[in-house]
Amino acid sequence: MRLIKYFASIAVVALVLSLGAFAKDKDSGNFDLTQTARVGSTTLQPGHYKVEWTGPNNALQISIMKYGKTVATAQGKLKELPTKAENDEVTLRTMKNHTERVEEIDFNNRTEALVLPTA
């Protein structure tokens, strides 16, 4: 009986730890930038980035990281997509001064996208 309680306790701990890992992935994603673009006042170079967000869906605090270090932050919101995105996609907007700004990030196999202010 004691052995069963021991294994049950281990199973519960494993379940709780795995749920925490899944929850973290829900509020993060990866994307590739193929050209120089701005997020807020930061210019991002082409490359692979990770993005994490916290807060309510209409007032998110967004952190963009490269090599585990935060390189840009912004406010934004989540947008529901009608269907799951088929791959990671970054939408850029060309501004009046001819710079590119990250406007939206869609994540592979997810029905939500991050929308960043471009003004």
N, C-alpha and C. Protein backbone atom coordinates (compact mmCIF):
# COMPACT_ATOMS: atom_id res chain seq x y z
N MET A 1 0.82 -1.18 0.00
CA MET A 1 0.00 0.00 0.00
C MET A 1 0.87 1.26 0.00
N ARG A 2 1.94 1.22 0.76
CA ARG A 2 2.84 2.35 0.85
C ARG A 2 3.52 2.61 -0.50
N LEU A 3 3.85 1.55 -1.22
CA LEU A 3 4.48 1.66 -2.52
C LEU A 3 3.53 2.33 -3.53
N ILE A 4 2.26 2.01 -3.45
CA ILE A 4 1.26 2.61 -4.35
C ILE A 4 1.15 4.11 -4.09
N LYS A 5 1.14 4.50 -2.82
CA LYS A 5 1.08 5.92 -2.48
C LYS A 5 2.32 6.65 -3.00
N TYR A 6 3.46 6.02 -2.90
CA TYR A 6 4.71 6.61 -3.37
C TYR A 6 4.65 6.86 -4.88
N PHE A 7 4.25 5.84 -5.65
CA PHE A 7 4.16 6.00 -7.09
C PHE A 7 3.07 7.00 -7.49
N ALA A 8 1.98 7.04 -6.75
CA ALA A 8 0.92 8.02 -7.02
C ALA A 8 1.44 9.44 -6.79
N SER A 9 2.21 9.63 -5.74
CA SER A 9 2.79 10.95 -5.47
C SER A 9 3.74 11.38 -6.57
N ILE A 10 4.56 10.46 -7.04
CA ILE A 10 5.50 10.77 -8.12
C ILE A 10 4.73 11.11 -9.40
N ALA A 11 3.66 10.38 -9.67
CA ALA A 11 2.86 10.65 -10.86
C ALA A 11 2.23 12.03 -10.80
N VAL A 12 1.73 12.43 -9.64
CA VAL A 12 1.12 13.75 -9.48
C VAL A 12 2.17 14.85 -9.69
N VAL A 13 3.34 14.69 -9.12
CA VAL A 13 4.41 15.68 -9.28
C VAL A 13 4.81 15.78 -10.76
N ALA A 14 4.94 14.67 -11.44
CA ALA A 14 5.30 14.68 -12.86
C ALA A 14 4.23 15.39 -13.68
N LEU A 15 2.97 15.15 -13.37
CA LEU A 15 1.87 15.80 -14.08
C LEU A 15 1.89 17.31 -13.88
N VAL A 16 2.07 17.74 -12.64
CA VAL A 16 2.10 19.18 -12.35
C VAL A 16 3.26 19.85 -13.07
N LEU A 17 4.43 19.24 -13.06
CA LEU A 17 5.59 19.82 -13.74
C LEU A 17 5.39 19.89 -15.25
N SER A 18 4.78 18.88 -15.83
CA SER A 18 4.57 18.89 -17.28
C SER A 18 3.51 19.92 -17.67
N LEU A 19 2.50 20.16 -16.84
CA LEU A 19 1.50 21.18 -17.13
C LEU A 19 2.13 22.56 -17.13
N GLY A 20 3.05 22.80 -16.25
CA GLY A 20 3.76 24.08 -16.23
C GLY A 20 4.56 24.31 -17.50
N ALA A 21 5.16 23.27 -18.02
CA ALA A 21 5.92 23.39 -19.26
C ALA A 21 5.00 23.71 -20.42
N PHE A 22 3.83 23.08 -20.50
CA PHE A 22 2.89 23.35 -21.58
C PHE A 22 2.33 24.76 -21.46
N ALA A 23 2.08 25.24 -20.29
CA ALA A 23 1.53 26.58 -20.11
C ALA A 23 2.52 27.63 -20.60
N LYS A 24 3.80 27.43 -20.37
CA LYS A 24 4.80 28.38 -20.82
C LYS A 24 4.83 28.46 -22.33
N ASP A 25 4.70 27.32 -23.03
CA ASP A 25 4.71 27.31 -24.48
C ASP A 25 3.50 28.04 -25.05
N LYS A 26 2.41 28.06 -24.32
CA LYS A 26 1.19 28.72 -24.81
C LYS A 26 1.42 30.21 -24.99
N ASP A 27 2.20 30.83 -24.16
CA ASP A 27 2.44 32.26 -24.22
C ASP A 27 3.81 32.60 -24.80
N SER A 28 4.24 31.79 -25.75
CA SER A 28 5.52 32.06 -26.42
C SER A 28 5.50 31.42 -27.80
N GLY A 29 6.41 31.84 -28.61
CA GLY A 29 6.54 31.27 -29.95
C GLY A 29 7.86 31.69 -30.56
N ASN A 30 8.14 31.17 -31.73
CA ASN A 30 9.37 31.48 -32.45
C ASN A 30 9.03 32.03 -33.82
N PHE A 31 9.91 32.85 -34.34
CA PHE A 31 9.73 33.34 -35.70
C PHE A 31 11.08 33.68 -36.30
N ASP A 32 11.12 33.71 -37.62
CA ASP A 32 12.31 34.09 -38.36
C ASP A 32 12.04 35.40 -39.07
N LEU A 33 12.98 36.30 -38.99
CA LEU A 33 12.89 37.57 -39.66
C LEU A 33 13.86 37.52 -40.83
N THR A 34 13.36 37.78 -42.04
CA THR A 34 14.19 37.65 -43.24
C THR A 34 14.81 38.97 -43.67
N GLN A 35 14.39 40.08 -43.05
CA GLN A 35 14.97 41.38 -43.37
C GLN A 35 14.94 42.26 -42.13
N THR A 36 15.70 43.32 -42.15
CA THR A 36 15.75 44.24 -41.02
C THR A 36 14.37 44.86 -40.82
N ALA A 37 13.92 44.91 -39.55
CA ALA A 37 12.63 45.51 -39.23
C ALA A 37 12.68 46.05 -37.82
N ARG A 38 11.78 46.98 -37.54
CA ARG A 38 11.74 47.62 -36.22
C ARG A 38 10.60 47.07 -35.39
N VAL A 39 10.85 46.97 -34.08
CA VAL A 39 9.82 46.71 -33.07
C VAL A 39 10.02 47.80 -32.03
N GLY A 40 9.03 48.69 -31.92
CA GLY A 40 9.20 49.84 -31.04
C GLY A 40 10.35 50.68 -31.54
N SER A 41 11.29 51.00 -30.68
CA SER A 41 12.45 51.81 -31.07
C SER A 41 13.67 50.95 -31.39
N THR A 42 13.49 49.63 -31.43
CA THR A 42 14.60 48.70 -31.65
C THR A 42 14.60 48.17 -33.08
N THR A 43 15.75 48.18 -33.72
CA THR A 43 15.89 47.60 -35.04
C THR A 43 16.38 46.16 -34.88
N LEU A 44 15.62 45.22 -35.41
CA LEU A 44 15.99 43.80 -35.38
C LEU A 44 16.63 43.42 -36.70
N GLN A 45 17.73 42.70 -36.61
CA GLN A 45 18.40 42.19 -37.80
C GLN A 45 17.77 40.86 -38.21
N PRO A 46 17.95 40.46 -39.47
CA PRO A 46 17.42 39.15 -39.87
C PRO A 46 17.96 38.05 -38.96
N GLY A 47 17.12 37.08 -38.65
CA GLY A 47 17.55 35.98 -37.79
C GLY A 47 16.37 35.29 -37.13
N HIS A 48 16.68 34.38 -36.23
CA HIS A 48 15.69 33.58 -35.51
C HIS A 48 15.46 34.21 -34.14
N TYR A 49 14.19 34.40 -33.77
CA TYR A 49 13.84 35.04 -32.52
C TYR A 49 12.79 34.22 -31.77
N LYS A 50 12.76 34.41 -30.47
CA LYS A 50 11.71 33.85 -29.61
C LYS A 50 10.94 35.03 -29.04
N VAL A 51 9.63 34.87 -28.95
CA VAL A 51 8.80 35.93 -28.39
C VAL A 51 7.96 35.34 -27.27
N GLU A 52 7.84 36.08 -26.17
CA GLU A 52 7.01 35.69 -25.03
C GLU A 52 6.12 36.87 -24.70
N TRP A 53 4.91 36.56 -24.18
CA TRP A 53 4.00 37.63 -23.81
C TRP A 53 3.26 37.29 -22.53
N THR A 54 2.88 38.35 -21.82
CA THR A 54 2.12 38.21 -20.57
C THR A 54 1.04 39.27 -20.56
N GLY A 55 0.01 39.02 -19.76
CA GLY A 55 -1.05 39.99 -19.59
C GLY A 55 -2.33 39.59 -20.30
N PRO A 56 -3.34 40.46 -20.21
CA PRO A 56 -4.61 40.17 -20.88
C PRO A 56 -4.45 40.26 -22.40
N ASN A 57 -5.26 39.51 -23.13
CA ASN A 57 -5.12 39.41 -24.59
C ASN A 57 -5.15 40.74 -25.33
N ASN A 58 -5.81 41.74 -24.78
CA ASN A 58 -5.89 43.03 -25.48
C ASN A 58 -4.86 44.05 -24.99
N ALA A 59 -4.01 43.68 -24.05
CA ALA A 59 -2.98 44.57 -23.50
C ALA A 59 -1.77 43.76 -23.07
N LEU A 60 -1.11 43.14 -24.03
CA LEU A 60 0.02 42.26 -23.73
C LEU A 60 1.32 43.04 -23.59
N GLN A 61 2.20 42.52 -22.75
CA GLN A 61 3.58 42.98 -22.69
C GLN A 61 4.39 41.92 -23.43
N ILE A 62 5.02 42.32 -24.53
CA ILE A 62 5.71 41.39 -25.42
C ILE A 62 7.22 41.57 -25.28
N SER A 63 7.93 40.45 -25.15
CA SER A 63 9.39 40.45 -25.10
C SER A 63 9.92 39.61 -26.26
N ILE A 64 10.84 40.18 -27.02
CA ILE A 64 11.46 39.46 -28.14
C ILE A 64 12.89 39.17 -27.74
N MET A 65 13.28 37.90 -27.89
CA MET A 65 14.59 37.46 -27.44
C MET A 65 15.39 36.81 -28.56
N LYS A 66 16.69 36.97 -28.46
CA LYS A 66 17.62 36.30 -29.36
C LYS A 66 18.74 35.75 -28.49
N TYR A 67 19.04 34.48 -28.65
CA TYR A 67 20.05 33.80 -27.84
C TYR A 67 19.76 33.93 -26.35
N GLY A 68 18.47 33.91 -25.97
CA GLY A 68 18.06 33.96 -24.58
C GLY A 68 18.10 35.33 -23.93
N LYS A 69 18.45 36.36 -24.69
CA LYS A 69 18.55 37.71 -24.17
C LYS A 69 17.46 38.58 -24.80
N THR A 70 16.75 39.36 -23.98
CA THR A 70 15.70 40.24 -24.50
C THR A 70 16.34 41.35 -25.32
N VAL A 71 15.89 41.48 -26.58
CA VAL A 71 16.43 42.50 -27.47
C VAL A 71 15.41 43.59 -27.79
N ALA A 72 14.12 43.33 -27.55
CA ALA A 72 13.08 44.33 -27.81
C ALA A 72 11.86 44.02 -26.96
N THR A 73 11.14 45.06 -26.59
CA THR A 73 9.87 44.91 -25.89
C THR A 73 8.84 45.80 -26.56
N ALA A 74 7.57 45.42 -26.43
CA ALA A 74 6.49 46.20 -27.02
C ALA A 74 5.18 45.84 -26.34
N GLN A 75 4.19 46.67 -26.55
CA GLN A 75 2.83 46.36 -26.16
C GLN A 75 2.16 45.75 -27.38
N GLY A 76 1.14 44.95 -27.18
CA GLY A 76 0.44 44.36 -28.32
C GLY A 76 -0.82 43.67 -27.87
N LYS A 77 -1.40 42.90 -28.77
CA LYS A 77 -2.61 42.14 -28.45
C LYS A 77 -2.63 40.85 -29.25
N LEU A 78 -3.46 39.92 -28.79
CA LEU A 78 -3.65 38.66 -29.51
C LEU A 78 -4.84 38.79 -30.43
N LYS A 79 -4.73 38.20 -31.59
CA LYS A 79 -5.80 38.19 -32.57
C LYS A 79 -6.12 36.73 -32.90
N GLU A 80 -7.39 36.38 -32.91
CA GLU A 80 -7.81 35.04 -33.29
C GLU A 80 -7.83 34.92 -34.80
N LEU A 81 -7.22 33.88 -35.32
CA LEU A 81 -7.22 33.60 -36.76
C LEU A 81 -8.37 32.65 -37.07
N PRO A 82 -8.95 32.72 -38.27
CA PRO A 82 -10.06 31.84 -38.61
C PRO A 82 -9.66 30.36 -38.68
N THR A 83 -8.40 30.09 -39.05
CA THR A 83 -7.89 28.72 -39.10
C THR A 83 -6.46 28.73 -38.57
N LYS A 84 -5.94 27.55 -38.29
CA LYS A 84 -4.56 27.44 -37.83
C LYS A 84 -3.60 27.90 -38.92
N ALA A 85 -2.59 28.65 -38.53
CA ALA A 85 -1.55 29.07 -39.47
C ALA A 85 -0.78 27.84 -39.91
N GLU A 86 -0.39 27.81 -41.17
CA GLU A 86 0.34 26.66 -41.70
C GLU A 86 1.83 26.74 -41.45
N ASN A 87 2.32 27.93 -41.13
CA ASN A 87 3.73 28.09 -40.77
C ASN A 87 3.90 29.43 -40.04
N ASP A 88 5.10 29.66 -39.52
CA ASP A 88 5.39 30.94 -38.88
C ASP A 88 5.45 32.00 -39.97
N GLU A 89 4.82 33.14 -39.72
CA GLU A 89 4.82 34.20 -40.72
C GLU A 89 4.84 35.56 -40.03
N VAL A 90 5.70 36.44 -40.52
CA VAL A 90 5.81 37.79 -39.98
C VAL A 90 5.30 38.76 -41.04
N THR A 91 4.34 39.59 -40.65
CA THR A 91 3.83 40.62 -41.55
C THR A 91 4.49 41.94 -41.19
N LEU A 92 5.07 42.58 -42.21
CA LEU A 92 5.74 43.86 -42.02
C LEU A 92 4.93 44.97 -42.65
N ARG A 93 5.05 46.17 -42.11
CA ARG A 93 4.41 47.35 -42.69
C ARG A 93 5.50 48.36 -43.01
N THR A 94 5.47 48.88 -44.24
CA THR A 94 6.42 49.92 -44.64
C THR A 94 5.89 51.27 -44.17
N MET A 95 6.70 51.97 -43.43
CA MET A 95 6.31 53.26 -42.87
C MET A 95 6.67 54.39 -43.84
N LYS A 96 6.22 55.60 -43.55
CA LYS A 96 6.47 56.77 -44.41
C LYS A 96 7.96 57.04 -44.60
N ASN A 97 8.76 56.74 -43.58
CA ASN A 97 10.20 56.96 -43.67
C ASN A 97 10.92 55.77 -44.30
N HIS A 98 10.17 54.87 -44.91
CA HIS A 98 10.69 53.71 -45.65
C HIS A 98 11.32 52.64 -44.77
N THR A 99 11.05 52.66 -43.47
CA THR A 99 11.50 51.58 -42.61
C THR A 99 10.40 50.53 -42.52
N GLU A 100 10.78 49.33 -42.23
CA GLU A 100 9.83 48.24 -42.06
C GLU A 100 9.58 48.04 -40.56
N ARG A 101 8.32 47.83 -40.20
CA ARG A 101 7.95 47.55 -38.81
C ARG A 101 7.22 46.22 -38.75
N VAL A 102 7.48 45.45 -37.68
CA VAL A 102 6.76 44.20 -37.48
C VAL A 102 5.33 44.56 -37.08
N GLU A 103 4.37 44.09 -37.86
CA GLU A 103 2.96 44.39 -37.61
C GLU A 103 2.24 43.20 -36.97
N GLU A 104 2.55 41.99 -37.44
CA GLU A 104 1.86 40.80 -36.94
C GLU A 104 2.79 39.59 -37.03
N ILE A 105 2.65 38.69 -36.06
CA ILE A 105 3.40 37.43 -36.07
C ILE A 105 2.40 36.30 -35.92
N ASP A 106 2.33 35.44 -36.94
CA ASP A 106 1.49 34.24 -36.91
C ASP A 106 2.40 33.06 -36.57
N PHE A 107 1.88 32.13 -35.77
CA PHE A 107 2.68 30.99 -35.32
C PHE A 107 2.16 29.70 -35.94
N ASN A 108 3.07 28.86 -36.36
CA ASN A 108 2.73 27.58 -36.99
C ASN A 108 1.78 26.76 -36.13
N ASN A 109 0.73 26.27 -36.76
CA ASN A 109 -0.22 25.34 -36.14
C ASN A 109 -0.97 25.95 -34.95
N ARG A 110 -1.16 27.28 -34.96
CA ARG A 110 -1.89 27.96 -33.89
C ARG A 110 -2.93 28.90 -34.49
N THR A 111 -3.99 29.14 -33.76
CA THR A 111 -5.07 30.00 -34.25
C THR A 111 -5.00 31.40 -33.65
N GLU A 112 -3.87 31.75 -33.08
CA GLU A 112 -3.70 33.09 -32.54
C GLU A 112 -2.46 33.75 -33.13
N ALA A 113 -2.53 35.05 -33.28
CA ALA A 113 -1.40 35.83 -33.81
C ALA A 113 -1.16 37.01 -32.91
N LEU A 114 0.07 37.46 -32.83
CA LEU A 114 0.42 38.66 -32.08
C LEU A 114 0.32 39.86 -33.02
N VAL A 115 -0.33 40.91 -32.57
CA VAL A 115 -0.44 42.15 -33.33
C VAL A 115 0.31 43.21 -32.55
N LEU A 116 1.27 43.86 -33.23
CA LEU A 116 2.08 44.91 -32.60
C LEU A 116 1.71 46.26 -33.20
N PRO A 117 1.72 47.33 -32.40
CA PRO A 117 1.41 48.64 -32.96
C PRO A 117 2.50 49.09 -33.92
N THR A 118 2.12 49.70 -35.02
CA THR A 118 3.11 50.17 -35.99
C THR A 118 3.18 51.69 -36.06
N ALA A 119 2.36 52.37 -35.31
CA ALA A 119 2.38 53.85 -35.37
C ALA A 119 3.47 54.41 -34.50
